[in-house]
């Protein structure tokens, strides 16, 4: 058998302790995906190693993301990278004059009517 040792499994499980998740509070069997109900309130849950326990509450998806990913706000305040300047980079569209110079267009025949 290729089962992993219990100690490795316990390490993996314990690494998730304290992890947070947001669960949309929707009624019935409706969709629970976050992008389908961005204005729905969310329950913030924390993994304790055995089950998800209540940790907090968010009014909508944006607030839940601020709670779940607090470090991404600091990264978003950095300056945007500079825009591409003029030039002929590898993925730039070539000038139209050099692409088909000297090529004549072939006239199309009209389709026969039925």
Protein backbone atom coordinates (compact mmCIF):
# COMPACT_ATOMS: atom_id res chain seq x y z
CA UNK A 1 0.00 0.00 0.00
CA UNK A 2 1.08 3.54 -0.73
CA UNK A 3 -0.75 5.20 2.12
CA UNK A 4 0.90 8.24 3.61
CA UNK A 5 1.97 8.04 7.25
CA UNK A 6 -0.48 9.42 9.80
CA UNK A 7 2.03 12.08 10.87
CA UNK A 8 2.17 13.56 7.34
CA UNK A 9 -1.62 13.61 7.11
CA UNK A 10 -1.83 15.33 10.53
CA UNK A 11 0.70 17.96 9.39
CA UNK A 12 -1.36 18.69 6.29
CA UNK A 13 -4.57 18.92 8.32
CA UNK A 14 -3.00 21.13 10.99
CA UNK A 15 -1.61 23.50 8.35
CA UNK A 16 -5.21 24.49 7.51
CA UNK A 17 -6.15 25.37 11.11
CA UNK A 18 -7.24 28.99 11.22
CA UNK A 19 -8.15 29.13 7.53
CA UNK A 20 -11.18 31.31 6.83
CA UNK A 21 -13.96 30.89 4.26
CA UNK A 22 -17.07 32.89 3.37
CA UNK A 23 -20.38 31.09 2.91
CA UNK A 24 -23.22 33.02 1.23
CA UNK A 25 -26.40 33.15 3.27
CA UNK A 26 -29.00 32.36 0.62
CA UNK A 27 -32.38 30.73 1.11
CA UNK A 28 -33.39 27.41 -0.37
CA UNK A 29 -31.35 25.38 -2.80
CA UNK A 30 -30.32 28.41 -4.85
CA UNK A 31 -26.82 28.86 -6.23
CA UNK A 32 -24.16 29.41 -3.58
CA UNK A 33 -21.33 30.55 -5.84
CA UNK A 34 -19.97 33.91 -4.74
CA UNK A 35 -20.13 35.55 -8.15
CA UNK A 36 -23.85 34.77 -8.54
CA UNK A 37 -24.95 36.65 -5.42
CA UNK A 38 -22.35 39.39 -4.81
CA UNK A 39 -24.75 41.43 -2.64
CA UNK A 40 -25.82 38.51 -0.41
CA UNK A 41 -24.53 38.54 3.17
CA UNK A 42 -21.86 36.02 4.10
CA UNK A 43 -21.01 34.03 7.19
CA UNK A 44 -17.26 33.92 7.79
CA UNK A 45 -16.20 30.50 9.07
CA UNK A 46 -12.88 29.36 10.56
CA UNK A 47 -11.45 25.83 10.31
CA UNK A 48 -10.50 24.50 13.77
CA UNK A 49 -8.98 21.23 12.59
CA UNK A 50 -12.19 19.23 12.79
CA UNK A 51 -15.05 21.44 11.57
CA UNK A 52 -15.91 24.91 10.30
CA UNK A 53 -17.02 27.14 13.17
CA UNK A 54 -18.62 30.62 13.01
CA UNK A 55 -16.04 33.40 13.05
CA UNK A 56 -17.75 36.54 11.75
CA UNK A 57 -20.18 38.15 9.36
CA UNK A 58 -19.82 40.17 6.14
CA UNK A 59 -22.53 42.27 4.52
CA UNK A 60 -21.51 41.41 0.93
CA UNK A 61 -18.83 39.81 -1.24
CA UNK A 62 -16.52 42.84 -1.23
CA UNK A 63 -16.45 42.97 2.57
CA UNK A 64 -15.93 39.20 2.78
CA UNK A 65 -12.93 39.44 0.44
CA UNK A 66 -11.40 42.19 2.60
CA UNK A 67 -11.70 39.87 5.61
CA UNK A 68 -10.43 36.76 3.84
CA UNK A 69 -7.57 38.39 1.91
CA UNK A 70 -6.30 41.38 3.91
CA UNK A 71 -2.85 41.36 2.27
CA UNK A 72 -4.14 41.93 -1.27
CA UNK A 73 -5.23 45.49 -0.50
CA UNK A 74 -1.65 46.50 0.26
CA UNK A 75 -0.51 44.95 -3.01
CA UNK A 76 -3.16 46.81 -5.02
CA UNK A 77 -1.96 50.21 -3.79
CA UNK A 78 1.34 49.79 -5.65
CA UNK A 79 1.83 51.78 -8.83
CA UNK A 80 0.65 50.15 -12.03
CA UNK A 81 3.42 48.98 -14.35
CA UNK A 82 4.23 51.40 -17.16
CA UNK A 83 2.24 51.04 -20.36
CA UNK A 84 3.94 49.71 -23.46
CA UNK A 85 5.58 52.40 -25.49
CA UNK A 86 6.03 52.57 -29.24
CA UNK A 87 8.19 49.96 -30.87
CA UNK A 88 8.22 46.62 -32.59
CA UNK A 89 7.98 44.09 -29.81
CA UNK A 90 7.55 40.39 -30.42
CA UNK A 91 3.75 40.44 -30.00
CA UNK A 92 3.07 43.73 -31.76
CA UNK A 93 0.86 43.81 -34.82
CA UNK A 94 3.04 44.31 -37.91
CA UNK A 95 2.37 47.31 -40.12
CA UNK A 96 -0.25 46.54 -42.77
CA UNK A 97 1.90 47.82 -45.63
CA UNK A 98 4.62 45.19 -45.12
CA UNK A 99 2.29 42.27 -44.57
CA UNK A 100 0.61 41.94 -47.99
CA UNK A 101 2.51 44.32 -50.22
CA UNK A 102 2.32 43.39 -53.89
CA UNK A 103 -0.57 40.94 -53.43
CA UNK A 104 -3.65 41.45 -55.60
CA UNK A 105 -7.13 40.70 -54.37
CA UNK A 106 -8.95 37.91 -56.24
CA UNK A 107 -12.47 38.89 -57.30
CA UNK A 108 -15.16 36.57 -55.96
CA UNK A 109 -17.83 35.08 -58.21
CA UNK A 110 -21.42 35.45 -57.05
CA UNK A 111 -23.01 32.26 -55.71
CA UNK A 112 -25.39 30.53 -58.17
CA UNK A 113 -29.04 31.11 -57.36
CA UNK A 114 -31.25 28.08 -56.74
